[in-house]
Amino acid sequence: MPQDLSAIHPELRSLFKSFPRFSIHRKNLKLARWMSRIFGGQKTAPGTHIETVEVPGEDLGQKVRLRVYRPEALPPASPALIWIHGGGYVFGTVEMDDSLVSHFAHELGLLVVSVDYRLAPEHPFPAPLQDCYAALKWAHDHAADLGIDPQRIAVGGDSAGGGLAACLAQLAIDRGEVQPVFQLLVYPMLDDRTVLREDVPHPELLTWSQVNNRFGWESYLHQPGGLEQALPYAAAARRADLTGLPPAWVGVGTLDLFHDESVAYAQRLKDNGVECTLEVIQGAFHGFDVMTQTPQVVKDFRRAEIEALRKGLFGTD
């Protein structure tokens, strides 16, 4: 039976038809990881130097692989962005975001550090978050060598990376060693309780399904999602008190499984006195901005991200 695409943004309907979709489980996880790797090597911004480094992790003897993006003309004491890739906590690589984050670095004149964190289910929570914190702490502690301002470091990510970025902001504020000044949360995976929902509108249009969502959360938490007892720092939306967190930008489409949890988290940030901008794209599905930059709606979304980072890190609109 043909799908009714009328709910999808007109500029995204043809893209939706070719968007890769399948249910992820343990038996085909290797395939999903292979597919994420083929996104690596996309066109990067001109004049951006990319270096891969390994830094100490939080576990004794463990290393965290980072990909560092530096524009040619990086001004002294520039701000920095710690970027965390998506993939439902179970797949994804730093290379698949080469195009996106190199353009962040080039357009804004900032250093970007992208984290190749360990993946579930082999490495469940807290391992991925520990890797992200190690990257944040390394950038802060080596600010002079990197040529960045340790007081102007943002955290950001998309999908599961957005969820990790939100948790990273919470963890950093509580530990008090590094104070991120901004968080860029792109259709973030924030709330494991979403796996319990049975009222998701247009489920046939989800590019990230409830089946995938359950597998991702169960793999990451090492227990079923949505349990009454939450693990601290595992799901950002479970934190009761959001006061004191850095300003945020949250972007999500109306056809995204994470729409409701993203909107709710943005509102709770505002209710707790945190400056937050919410960007909702009508008719956009999860990952709509990944495969092409041609549609105007994608260009506008990218521009909104750039301007949010500009304001959060440079204080200018």
C-alpha atoms as a PDB file:
ATOM      1  CA  MET A   1       0.000   0.000   0.000  1.00  0.00           C
ATOM      2  CA  PRO A   2       1.528   3.386  -0.975  1.00  0.00           C
ATOM      3  CA  GLN A   3       2.299   5.772   1.864  1.00  0.00           C
ATOM      4  CA  ASP A   4       0.467   9.049   2.305  1.00  0.00           C
ATOM      5  CA  LEU A   5       3.288  11.596   2.235  1.00  0.00           C
ATOM      6  CA  SER A   6       1.082  14.648   2.671  1.00  0.00           C
ATOM      7  CA  ALA A   7       2.294  15.164   6.260  1.00  0.00           C
ATOM      8  CA  ILE A   8       5.910  15.458   5.079  1.00  0.00           C
ATOM      9  CA  HIS A   9       7.330  18.844   4.141  1.00  0.00           C
ATOM     10  CA  PRO A  10       6.975  19.194   0.343  1.00  0.00           C
ATOM     11  CA  GLU A  11      10.731  19.701  -0.115  1.00  0.00           C
ATOM     12  CA  LEU A  12      11.468  16.473   1.774  1.00  0.00           C
ATOM     13  CA  ARG A  13       9.026  14.011   0.178  1.00  0.00           C
ATOM     14  CA  SER A  14      11.373  12.746  -2.519  1.00  0.00           C
ATOM     15  CA  LEU A  15      14.175  12.467   0.028  1.00  0.00           C
ATOM     16  CA  PHE A  16      11.954  10.450   2.355  1.00  0.00           C
ATOM     17  CA  LYS A  17      11.371   7.838  -0.355  1.00  0.00           C
ATOM     18  CA  SER A  18      15.097   7.124  -0.634  1.00  0.00           C
ATOM     19  CA  PHE A  19      15.933   7.486   3.063  1.00  0.00           C
ATOM     20  CA  PRO A  20      17.426   4.227   4.430  1.00  0.00           C
ATOM     21  CA  ARG A  21      15.126   2.587   6.977  1.00  0.00           C
ATOM     22  CA  PHE A  22      15.297  -0.777   8.664  1.00  0.00           C
ATOM     23  CA  SER A  23      14.855  -2.254  12.101  1.00  0.00           C
ATOM     24  CA  ILE A  24      18.091  -2.500  14.050  1.00  0.00           C
ATOM     25  CA  HIS A  25      18.793  -5.477  16.273  1.00  0.00           C
ATOM     26  CA  ARG A  26      21.783  -7.491  17.387  1.00  0.00           C
ATOM     27  CA  LYS A  27      21.793  -9.676  14.279  1.00  0.00           C
ATOM     28  CA  ASN A  28      22.123  -6.785  11.821  1.00  0.00           C
ATOM     29  CA  LEU A  29      23.989  -4.297  13.996  1.00  0.00           C
ATOM     30  CA  LYS A  30      27.199  -4.910  12.045  1.00  0.00           C
ATOM     31  CA  LEU A  31      25.367  -3.902   8.878  1.00  0.00           C
ATOM     32  CA  ALA A  32      24.066  -0.709  10.500  1.00  0.00           C
ATOM     33  CA  ARG A  33      27.573   0.158  11.614  1.00  0.00           C
ATOM     34  CA  TRP A  34      28.943  -0.501   8.134  1.00  0.00           C
ATOM     35  CA  MET A  35      26.281   1.764   6.633  1.00  0.00           C
ATOM     36  CA  SER A  36      27.217   4.563   9.031  1.00  0.00           C
ATOM     37  CA  ARG A  37      30.856   4.249   7.987  1.00  0.00           C
ATOM     38  CA  ILE A  38      30.067   4.806   4.317  1.00  0.00           C
ATOM     39  CA  PHE A  39      28.894   8.316   5.228  1.00  0.00           C
ATOM     40  CA  GLY A  40      32.490   9.115   6.130  1.00  0.00           C
ATOM     41  CA  GLY A  41      34.632  11.017   3.679  1.00  0.00           C
ATOM     42  CA  GLN A  42      31.903  13.462   2.693  1.00  0.00           C
ATOM     43  CA  LYS A  43      32.973  16.817   1.277  1.00  0.00           C
ATOM     44  CA  THR A  44      34.539  18.919   3.993  1.00  0.00           C
ATOM     45  CA  ALA A  45      34.749  22.683   4.224  1.00  0.00           C
ATOM     46  CA  PRO A  46      37.711  24.196   2.348  1.00  0.00           C
ATOM     47  CA  GLY A  47      40.712  25.161   4.384  1.00  0.00           C
ATOM     48  CA  THR A  48      39.843  22.942   7.333  1.00  0.00           C
ATOM     49  CA  HIS A  49      42.603  20.790   8.777  1.00  0.00           C
ATOM     50  CA  ILE A  50      41.447  17.498  10.309  1.00  0.00           C
ATOM     51  CA  GLU A  51      43.568  15.599  12.797  1.00  0.00           C
ATOM     52  CA  THR A  52      42.821  12.376  14.647  1.00  0.00           C
ATOM     53  CA  VAL A  53      44.221  12.081  18.166  1.00  0.00           C
ATOM     54  CA  GLU A  54      43.885   9.731  21.111  1.00  0.00           C
ATOM     55  CA  VAL A  55      43.494  11.062  24.631  1.00  0.00           C
ATOM     56  CA  PRO A  56      43.274   9.355  28.027  1.00  0.00           C
ATOM     57  CA  GLY A  57      39.844   8.084  28.990  1.00  0.00           C
ATOM     58  CA  GLU A  58      38.351   7.871  32.453  1.00  0.00           C
ATOM     59  CA  ASP A  59      39.064   4.134  32.719  1.00  0.00           C
ATOM     60  CA  LEU A  60      42.677   3.222  33.526  1.00  0.00           C
ATOM     61  CA  GLY A  61      44.646   2.629  30.324  1.00  0.00           C
ATOM     62  CA  GLN A  62      41.675   3.376  28.082  1.00  0.00           C
ATOM     63  CA  LYS A  63      42.006   5.823  25.185  1.00  0.00           C
ATOM     64  CA  VAL A  64      39.369   7.961  23.487  1.00  0.00           C
ATOM     65  CA  ARG A  65      39.708   8.685  19.787  1.00  0.00           C
ATOM     66  CA  LEU A  66      38.953  12.275  18.806  1.00  0.00           C
ATOM     67  CA  ARG A  67      38.730  14.032  15.457  1.00  0.00           C
ATOM     68  CA  VAL A  68      39.838  17.663  15.651  1.00  0.00           C
ATOM     69  CA  TYR A  69      38.714  20.194  13.025  1.00  0.00           C
ATOM     70  CA  ARG A  70      40.737  23.394  12.774  1.00  0.00           C
ATOM     71  CA  PRO A  71      40.076  26.157  10.227  1.00  0.00           C
ATOM     72  CA  GLU A  72      43.158  27.666   8.581  1.00  0.00           C
ATOM     73  CA  ALA A  73      42.669  31.098  10.088  1.00  0.00           C
ATOM     74  CA  LEU A  74      41.778  30.205  13.661  1.00  0.00           C
ATOM     75  CA  PRO A  75      42.021  33.389  15.736  1.00  0.00           C
ATOM     76  CA  PRO A  76      43.821  33.182  19.094  1.00  0.00           C
ATOM     77  CA  ALA A  77      41.706  32.117  22.078  1.00  0.00           C
ATOM     78  CA  SER A  78      38.843  30.979  19.854  1.00  0.00           C
ATOM     79  CA  PRO A  79      35.822  29.142  21.199  1.00  0.00           C
ATOM     80  CA  ALA A  80      35.444  25.382  20.768  1.00  0.00           C
ATOM     81  CA  LEU A  81      32.668  22.873  20.251  1.00  0.00           C
ATOM     82  CA  ILE A  82      32.665  19.324  21.577  1.00  0.00           C
ATOM     83  CA  TRP A  83      30.562  17.439  19.019  1.00  0.00           C
ATOM     84  CA  ILE A  84      28.943  14.017  19.563  1.00  0.00           C
ATOM     85  CA  HIS A  85      27.671  11.968  16.621  1.00  0.00           C
ATOM     86  CA  GLY A  86      24.333  10.168  16.501  1.00  0.00           C
ATOM     87  CA  GLY A  87      23.426   6.550  15.949  1.00  0.00           C
ATOM     88  CA  GLY A  88      20.990   5.476  18.636  1.00  0.00           C
ATOM     89  CA  TYR A  89      23.888   4.811  21.060  1.00  0.00           C
ATOM     90  CA  VAL A  90      24.689   1.662  19.052  1.00  0.00           C
ATOM     91  CA  PHE A  91      26.295   2.781  15.765  1.00  0.00           C
ATOM     92  CA  GLY A  92      27.898   5.800  14.104  1.00  0.00           C
ATOM     93  CA  THR A  93      31.398   7.202  13.643  1.00  0.00           C
ATOM     94  CA  VAL A  94      33.058  10.597  13.887  1.00  0.00           C
ATOM     95  CA  GLU A  95      33.867  10.480  10.161  1.00  0.00           C
ATOM     96  CA  MET A  96      30.214  10.501   9.140  1.00  0.00           C
ATOM     97  CA  ASP A  97      29.921  14.082  10.462  1.00  0.00           C
ATOM     98  CA  ASP A  98      33.020  15.400   8.635  1.00  0.00           C
ATOM     99  CA  SER A  99      30.995  17.657   6.361  1.00  0.00           C
ATOM    100  CA  LEU A 100      28.774  19.112   9.077  1.00  0.00           C
ATOM    101  CA  VAL A 101      31.344  19.880  11.735  1.00  0.00           C
ATOM    102  CA  SER A 102      34.027  21.080   9.320  1.00  0.00           C
ATOM    103  CA  HIS A 103      31.516  23.654   8.101  1.00  0.00           C
ATOM    104  CA  PHE A 104      30.828  24.658  11.700  1.00  0.00           C
ATOM    105  CA  ALA A 105      34.577  25.197  12.137  1.00  0.00           C
ATOM    106  CA  HIS A 106      34.988  27.037   8.831  1.00  0.00           C
ATOM    107  CA  GLU A 107      31.956  29.325   9.008  1.00  0.00           C
ATOM    108  CA  LEU A 108      32.359  30.290  12.645  1.00  0.00           C
ATOM    109  CA  GLY A 109      36.124  30.230  13.082  1.00  0.00           C
ATOM    110  CA  LEU A 110      36.165  27.766  15.944  1.00  0.00           C
ATOM    111  CA  LEU A 111      37.801  24.478  16.869  1.00  0.00           C
ATOM    112  CA  VAL A 112      35.591  21.388  16.819  1.00  0.00           C
ATOM    113  CA  VAL A 113      36.448  18.204  18.704  1.00  0.00           C
ATOM    114  CA  SER A 114      34.325  15.230  17.650  1.00  0.00           C
ATOM    115  CA  VAL A 115      34.189  12.197  19.945  1.00  0.00           C
ATOM    116  CA  ASP A 116      34.500   8.595  18.769  1.00  0.00           C
ATOM    117  CA  TYR A 117      32.833   7.268  21.906  1.00  0.00           C
ATOM    118  CA  ARG A 118      32.411   3.598  22.704  1.00  0.00           C
ATOM    119  CA  LEU A 119      29.159   2.062  21.522  1.00  0.00           C
ATOM    120  CA  ALA A 120      26.501  -0.037  23.210  1.00  0.00           C
ATOM    121  CA  PRO A 121      25.628  -2.836  23.696  1.00  0.00           C
ATOM    122  CA  GLU A 122      29.303  -3.809  24.033  1.00  0.00           C
ATOM    123  CA  HIS A 123      29.909  -0.670  26.079  1.00  0.00           C
ATOM    124  CA  PRO A 124      26.693   0.443  27.814  1.00  0.00           C
ATOM    125  CA  PHE A 125      26.216   3.485  30.047  1.00  0.00           C
ATOM    126  CA  PRO A 126      28.256   5.091  31.498  1.00  0.00           C
ATOM    127  CA  ALA A 127      31.081   4.276  29.049  1.00  0.00           C
ATOM    128  CA  PRO A 128      29.939   6.530  26.152  1.00  0.00           C
ATOM    129  CA  LEU A 129      29.297   9.473  28.482  1.00  0.00           C
ATOM    130  CA  GLN A 130      32.659   8.943  30.171  1.00  0.00           C
ATOM    131  CA  ASP A 131      34.361   9.186  26.762  1.00  0.00           C
ATOM    132  CA  CYS A 132      32.521  12.423  26.008  1.00  0.00           C
ATOM    133  CA  TYR A 133      33.504  13.899  29.356  1.00  0.00           C
ATOM    134  CA  ALA A 134      37.137  12.869  28.761  1.00  0.00           C
ATOM    135  CA  ALA A 135      37.044  14.801  25.474  1.00  0.00           C
ATOM    136  CA  LEU A 136      35.550  17.879  27.126  1.00  0.00           C
ATOM    137  CA  LYS A 137      38.078  17.777  29.965  1.00  0.00           C
ATOM    138  CA  TRP A 138      40.983  17.251  27.557  1.00  0.00           C
ATOM    139  CA  ALA A 139      40.000  20.247  25.435  1.00  0.00           C
ATOM    140  CA  HIS A 140      39.605  22.399  28.536  1.00  0.00           C
ATOM    141  CA  ASP A 141      42.892  21.323  30.117  1.00  0.00           C
ATOM    142  CA  HIS A 142      44.837  21.709  26.833  1.00  0.00           C
ATOM    143  CA  ALA A 143      43.223  24.972  25.806  1.00  0.00           C
ATOM    144  CA  ALA A 144      46.542  26.826  25.544  1.00  0.00           C
ATOM    145  CA  ASP A 145      48.046  24.174  23.259  1.00  0.00           C
ATOM    146  CA  LEU A 146      44.886  24.062  21.139  1.00  0.00           C
ATOM    147  CA  GLY A 147      44.633  27.846  20.939  1.00  0.00           C
ATOM    148  CA  ILE A 148      41.139  28.007  22.416  1.00  0.00           C
ATOM    149  CA  ASP A 149      39.428  29.849  25.232  1.00  0.00           C
ATOM    150  CA  PRO A 150      38.657  27.357  28.051  1.00  0.00           C
ATOM    151  CA  GLN A 151      35.777  29.577  29.150  1.00  0.00           C
ATOM    152  CA  ARG A 152      34.029  29.328  25.762  1.00  0.00           C
ATOM    153  CA  ILE A 153      33.442  25.637  25.122  1.00  0.00           C
ATOM    154  CA  ALA A 154      30.067  24.404  23.879  1.00  0.00           C
ATOM    155  CA  VAL A 155      28.728  20.864  23.700  1.00  0.00           C
ATOM    156  CA  GLY A 156      26.487  19.575  20.949  1.00  0.00           C
ATOM    157  CA  GLY A 157      25.309  16.582  18.996  1.00  0.00           C
ATOM    158  CA  ASP A 158      22.515  15.065  16.992  1.00  0.00           C
ATOM    159  CA  SER A 159      20.109  12.256  17.893  1.00  0.00           C
ATOM    160  CA  ALA A 160      21.851  10.033  20.460  1.00  0.00           C
ATOM    161  CA  GLY A 161      24.722  12.530  20.301  1.00  0.00           C
ATOM    162  CA  GLY A 162      22.281  15.252  21.304  1.00  0.00           C
ATOM    163  CA  GLY A 163      21.185  13.140  24.239  1.00  0.00           C
ATOM    164  CA  LEU A 164      24.787  12.587  25.260  1.00  0.00           C
ATOM    165  CA  ALA A 165      25.511  16.314  24.898  1.00  0.00           C
ATOM    166  CA  ALA A 166      22.608  17.168  27.194  1.00  0.00           C
ATOM    167  CA  CYS A 167      23.802  14.638  29.769  1.00  0.00           C
ATOM    168  CA  LEU A 168      27.374  15.882  29.356  1.00  0.00           C
ATOM    169  CA  ALA A 169      26.243  19.419  30.204  1.00  0.00           C
ATOM    170  CA  GLN A 170      24.517  18.112  33.317  1.00  0.00           C
ATOM    171  CA  LEU A 171      27.524  16.059  34.405  1.00  0.00           C
ATOM    172  CA  ALA A 172      29.976  18.899  33.772  1.00  0.00           C
ATOM    173  CA  ILE A 173      27.927  21.399  35.764  1.00  0.00           C
ATOM    174  CA  ASP A 174      27.704  18.982  38.686  1.00  0.00           C
ATOM    175  CA  ARG A 175      31.391  18.091  38.691  1.00  0.00           C
ATOM    176  CA  GLY A 176      32.421  21.738  38.430  1.00  0.00           C
ATOM    177  CA  GLU A 177      35.680  21.110  36.544  1.00  0.00           C
ATOM    178  CA  VAL A 178      34.516  22.484  33.181  1.00  0.00           C
ATOM    179  CA  GLN A 179      31.621  24.863  32.596  1.00  0.00           C
ATOM    180  CA  PRO A 180      30.165  24.538  29.079  1.00  0.00           C
ATOM    181  CA  VAL A 181      28.679  27.832  27.944  1.00  0.00           C
ATOM    182  CA  PHE A 182      26.188  26.485  25.402  1.00  0.00           C
ATOM    183  CA  GLN A 183      24.504  23.273  24.234  1.00  0.00           C
ATOM    184  CA  LEU A 184      23.348  22.549  20.675  1.00  0.00           C
ATOM    185  CA  LEU A 185      20.826  19.717  20.778  1.00  0.00           C
ATOM    186  CA  VAL A 186      19.797  18.495  17.323  1.00  0.00           C
ATOM    187  CA  TYR A 187      16.707  16.223  17.453  1.00  0.00           C
ATOM    188  CA  PRO A 188      18.143  14.821  20.677  1.00  0.00           C
ATOM    189  CA  MET A 189      17.451  11.360  22.127  1.00  0.00           C
ATOM    190  CA  LEU A 190      16.637  12.502  25.652  1.00  0.00           C
ATOM    191  CA  ASP A 191      14.010  10.304  27.281  1.00  0.00           C
ATOM    192  CA  ASP A 192      13.955   6.507  27.533  1.00  0.00           C
ATOM    193  CA  ARG A 193      10.298   6.681  28.583  1.00  0.00           C
ATOM    194  CA  THR A 194       9.393   7.394  24.956  1.00  0.00           C
ATOM    195  CA  VAL A 195       9.741   3.649  24.325  1.00  0.00           C
ATOM    196  CA  LEU A 196       6.491   3.183  26.276  1.00  0.00           C
ATOM    197  CA  ARG A 197       4.450   5.451  24.011  1.00  0.00           C
ATOM    198  CA  GLU A 198       1.706   3.901  21.895  1.00  0.00           C
ATOM    199  CA  ASP A 199       0.257   7.186  20.626  1.00  0.00           C
ATOM    200  CA  VAL A 200       2.998   8.279  18.221  1.00  0.00           C
ATOM    201  CA  PRO A 201       1.407  10.100  15.257  1.00  0.00           C
ATOM    202  CA  HIS A 202       2.237   8.911  11.715  1.00  0.00           C
ATOM    203  CA  PRO A 203       4.327   5.905  12.836  1.00  0.00           C
ATOM    204  CA  GLU A 204       4.628   4.836   9.198  1.00  0.00           C
ATOM    205  CA  LEU A 205       6.663   7.997   8.512  1.00  0.00           C
ATOM    206  CA  LEU A 206       9.237   7.465  11.245  1.00  0.00           C
ATOM    207  CA  THR A 207      12.776   7.047   9.958  1.00  0.00           C
ATOM    208  CA  TRP A 208      13.792   6.153  13.531  1.00  0.00           C
ATOM    209  CA  SER A 209      11.121   3.760  14.727  1.00  0.00           C
ATOM    210  CA  GLN A 210       9.945   2.623  18.127  1.00  0.00           C
ATOM    211  CA  VAL A 211      11.578  -0.743  17.432  1.00  0.00           C
ATOM    212  CA  ASN A 212      14.926   0.962  16.906  1.00  0.00           C
ATOM    213  CA  ASN A 213      14.337   3.257  19.867  1.00  0.00           C
ATOM    214  CA  ARG A 214      13.722   0.338  22.221  1.00  0.00           C
ATOM    215  CA  PHE A 215      16.818  -1.471  20.992  1.00  0.00           C
ATOM    216  CA  GLY A 216      18.955   1.658  21.337  1.00  0.00           C
ATOM    217  CA  TRP A 217      17.840   2.443  24.867  1.00  0.00           C
ATOM    218  CA  GLU A 218      17.958  -1.168  26.075  1.00  0.00           C
ATOM    219  CA  SER A 219      21.469  -1.527  24.647  1.00  0.00           C
ATOM    220  CA  TYR A 220      22.644   1.705  26.238  1.00  0.00           C
ATOM    221  CA  LEU A 221      20.992   1.307  29.636  1.00  0.00           C
ATOM    222  CA  HIS A 222      21.637  -2.442  29.828  1.00  0.00           C
ATOM    223  CA  GLN A 223      18.020  -2.730  30.961  1.00  0.00           C
ATOM    224  CA  PRO A 224      14.607  -1.999  29.435  1.00  0.00           C
ATOM    225  CA  GLY A 225      13.846   1.634  28.761  1.00  0.00           C
ATOM    226  CA  GLY A 226      11.169   3.424  30.735  1.00  0.00           C
ATOM    227  CA  LEU A 227      11.707   1.795  34.098  1.00  0.00           C
ATOM    228  CA  GLU A 228      10.549   3.813  37.083  1.00  0.00           C
ATOM    229  CA  GLN A 229      14.043   3.976  38.575  1.00  0.00           C
ATOM    230  CA  ALA A 230      16.279   6.096  36.354  1.00  0.00           C
ATOM    231  CA  LEU A 231      20.068   5.980  36.149  1.00  0.00           C
ATOM    232  CA  PRO A 232      21.579   9.416  36.890  1.00  0.00           C
ATOM    233  CA  TYR A 233      23.023  11.073  33.760  1.00  0.00           C
ATOM    234  CA  ALA A 234      21.772   8.269  31.477  1.00  0.00           C
ATOM    235  CA  ALA A 235      18.712  10.046  30.061  1.00  0.00           C
ATOM    236  CA  ALA A 236      18.786  13.833  30.195  1.00  0.00           C
ATOM    237  CA  ALA A 237      15.011  14.240  30.483  1.00  0.00           C
ATOM    238  CA  ARG A 238      14.964  12.222  33.724  1.00  0.00           C
ATOM    239  CA  ARG A 239      16.843  14.920  35.646  1.00  0.00           C
ATOM    240  CA  ALA A 240      14.415  16.703  37.952  1.00  0.00           C
ATOM    241  CA  ASP A 241      16.265  20.007  38.422  1.00  0.00           C
ATOM    242  CA  LEU A 242      17.554  21.714  35.271  1.00  0.00           C
ATOM    243  CA  THR A 243      18.563  24.989  36.890  1.00  0.00           C
ATOM    244  CA  GLY A 244      22.091  26.199  36.263  1.00  0.00           C
ATOM    245  CA  LEU A 245      22.529  24.460  32.914  1.00  0.00           C
ATOM    246  CA  PRO A 246      24.045  26.415  30.002  1.00  0.00           C
ATOM    247  CA  PRO A 247      21.817  28.095  27.404  1.00  0.00           C
ATOM    248  CA  ALA A 248      20.527  25.720  24.752  1.00  0.00           C
ATOM    249  CA  TRP A 249      19.213  25.453  21.221  1.00  0.00           C
ATOM    250  CA  VAL A 250      16.924  22.511  20.462  1.00  0.00           C
ATOM    251  CA  GLY A 251      15.936  21.634  16.886  1.00  0.00           C
ATOM    252  CA  VAL A 252      13.490  18.907  15.853  1.00  0.00           C
ATOM    253  CA  GLY A 253      10.905  18.043  13.192  1.00  0.00           C
ATOM    254  CA  THR A 254       7.230  17.387  13.804  1.00  0.00           C
ATOM    255  CA  LEU A 255       7.513  13.879  12.275  1.00  0.00           C
ATOM    256  CA  ASP A 256      10.412  12.900  14.508  1.00  0.00           C
ATOM    257  CA  LEU A 257       9.853  10.299  17.217  1.00  0.00           C
ATOM    258  CA  PHE A 258      11.837  12.650  19.489  1.00  0.00           C
ATOM    259  CA  HIS A 259       9.587  15.657  18.802  1.00  0.00           C
ATOM    260  CA  ASP A 260       7.567  15.527  22.017  1.00  0.00           C
ATOM    261  CA  GLU A 261      10.505  14.803  24.317  1.00  0.00           C
ATOM    262  CA  SER A 262      12.560  17.574  22.679  1.00  0.00           C
ATOM    263  CA  VAL A 263       9.774  20.135  23.021  1.00  0.00           C
ATOM    264  CA  ALA A 264       9.137  19.085  26.623  1.00  0.00           C
ATOM    265  CA  TYR A 265      12.835  19.335  27.531  1.00  0.00           C
ATOM    266  CA  ALA A 266      13.138  22.769  25.939  1.00  0.00           C
ATOM    267  CA  GLN A 267      10.128  23.971  27.902  1.00  0.00           C
ATOM    268  CA  ARG A 268      11.486  22.549  31.146  1.00  0.00           C
ATOM    269  CA  LEU A 269      14.796  24.337  30.540  1.00  0.00           C
ATOM    270  CA  LYS A 270      12.891  27.606  30.166  1.00  0.00           C
ATOM    271  CA  ASP A 271      10.785  26.856  33.232  1.00  0.00           C
ATOM    272  CA  ASN A 272      14.010  26.333  35.201  1.00  0.00           C
ATOM    273  CA  GLY A 273      15.416  29.691  34.139  1.00  0.00           C
ATOM    274  CA  VAL A 274      17.682  28.404  31.347  1.00  0.00           C
ATOM    275  CA  GLU A 275      17.702  30.385  28.107  1.00  0.00           C
ATOM    276  CA  CYS A 276      16.550  28.037  25.354  1.00  0.00           C
ATOM    277  CA  THR A 277      15.587  28.463  21.708  1.00  0.00           C
ATOM    278  CA  LEU A 278      13.303  25.800  20.228  1.00  0.00           C
ATOM    279  CA  GLU A 279      13.297  25.301  16.451  1.00  0.00           C
ATOM    280  CA  VAL A 280      10.476  23.049  15.226  1.00  0.00           C
ATOM    281  CA  ILE A 281      10.402  22.126  11.524  1.00  0.00           C
ATOM    282  CA  GLN A 282       6.943  21.283  10.228  1.00  0.00           C
ATOM    283  CA  GLY A 283       6.854  18.019   8.309  1.00  0.00           C
ATOM    284  CA  ALA A 284      10.478  17.078   8.969  1.00  0.00           C
ATOM    285  CA  PHE A 285      11.445  13.532   9.923  1.00  0.00           C
ATOM    286  CA  HIS A 286      14.385  12.271  11.962  1.00  0.00           C
ATOM    287  CA  GLY A 287      17.681  12.848  10.160  1.00  0.00           C
ATOM    288  CA  PHE A 288      16.091  14.907   7.376  1.00  0.00           C
ATOM    289  CA  ASP A 289      19.212  17.078   7.124  1.00  0.00           C
ATOM    290  CA  VAL A 290      21.743  14.262   6.801  1.00  0.00           C
ATOM    291  CA  MET A 291      21.676  13.105   3.186  1.00  0.00           C
ATOM    292  CA  THR A 292      21.508  16.370   1.240  1.00  0.00           C
ATOM    293  CA  GLN A 293      21.831  20.113   1.672  1.00  0.00           C
ATOM    294  CA  THR A 294      19.772  20.948  -1.424  1.00  0.00           C
ATOM    295  CA  PRO A 295      16.275  21.601   0.019  1.00  0.00           C
ATOM    296  CA  GLN A 296      15.786  25.112   1.338  1.00  0.00           C
ATOM    297  CA  VAL A 297      14.307  23.732   4.558  1.00  0.00           C
ATOM    298  CA  VAL A 298      17.596  21.915   5.207  1.00  0.00           C
ATOM    299  CA  LYS A 299      19.646  25.017   4.418  1.00  0.00           C
ATOM    300  CA  ASP A 300      17.494  27.033   6.809  1.00  0.00           C
ATOM    301  CA  PHE A 301      17.936  24.419   9.543  1.00  0.00           C
ATOM    302  CA  ARG A 302      21.711  24.457   9.099  1.00  0.00           C
ATOM    303  CA  ARG A 303      21.721  28.244   9.178  1.00  0.00           C
ATOM    304  CA  ALA A 304      19.739  28.207  12.427  1.00  0.00           C
ATOM    305  CA  GLU A 305      22.367  25.889  13.965  1.00  0.00           C
ATOM    306  CA  ILE A 306      25.180  28.168  12.822  1.00  0.00           C
ATOM    307  CA  GLU A 307      23.502  31.275  14.189  1.00  0.00           C
ATOM    308  CA  ALA A 308      22.713  29.542  17.488  1.00  0.00           C
ATOM    309  CA  LEU A 309      26.393  28.643  17.902  1.00  0.00           C
ATOM    310  CA  ARG A 310      27.423  32.149  16.895  1.00  0.00           C
ATOM    311  CA  LYS A 311      25.211  33.649  19.577  1.00  0.00           C
ATOM    312  CA  GLY A 312      26.118  31.052  22.222  1.00  0.00           C
ATOM    313  CA  LEU A 313      29.881  31.277  21.687  1.00  0.00           C
ATOM    314  CA  PHE A 314      30.468  34.779  20.366  1.00  0.00           C
ATOM    315  CA  GLY A 315      27.523  36.620  21.905  1.00  0.00           C
ATOM    316  CA  THR A 316      26.369  37.931  18.526  1.00  0.00           C
ATOM    317  CA  ASP A 317      23.263  37.203  16.439  1.00  0.00           C
END
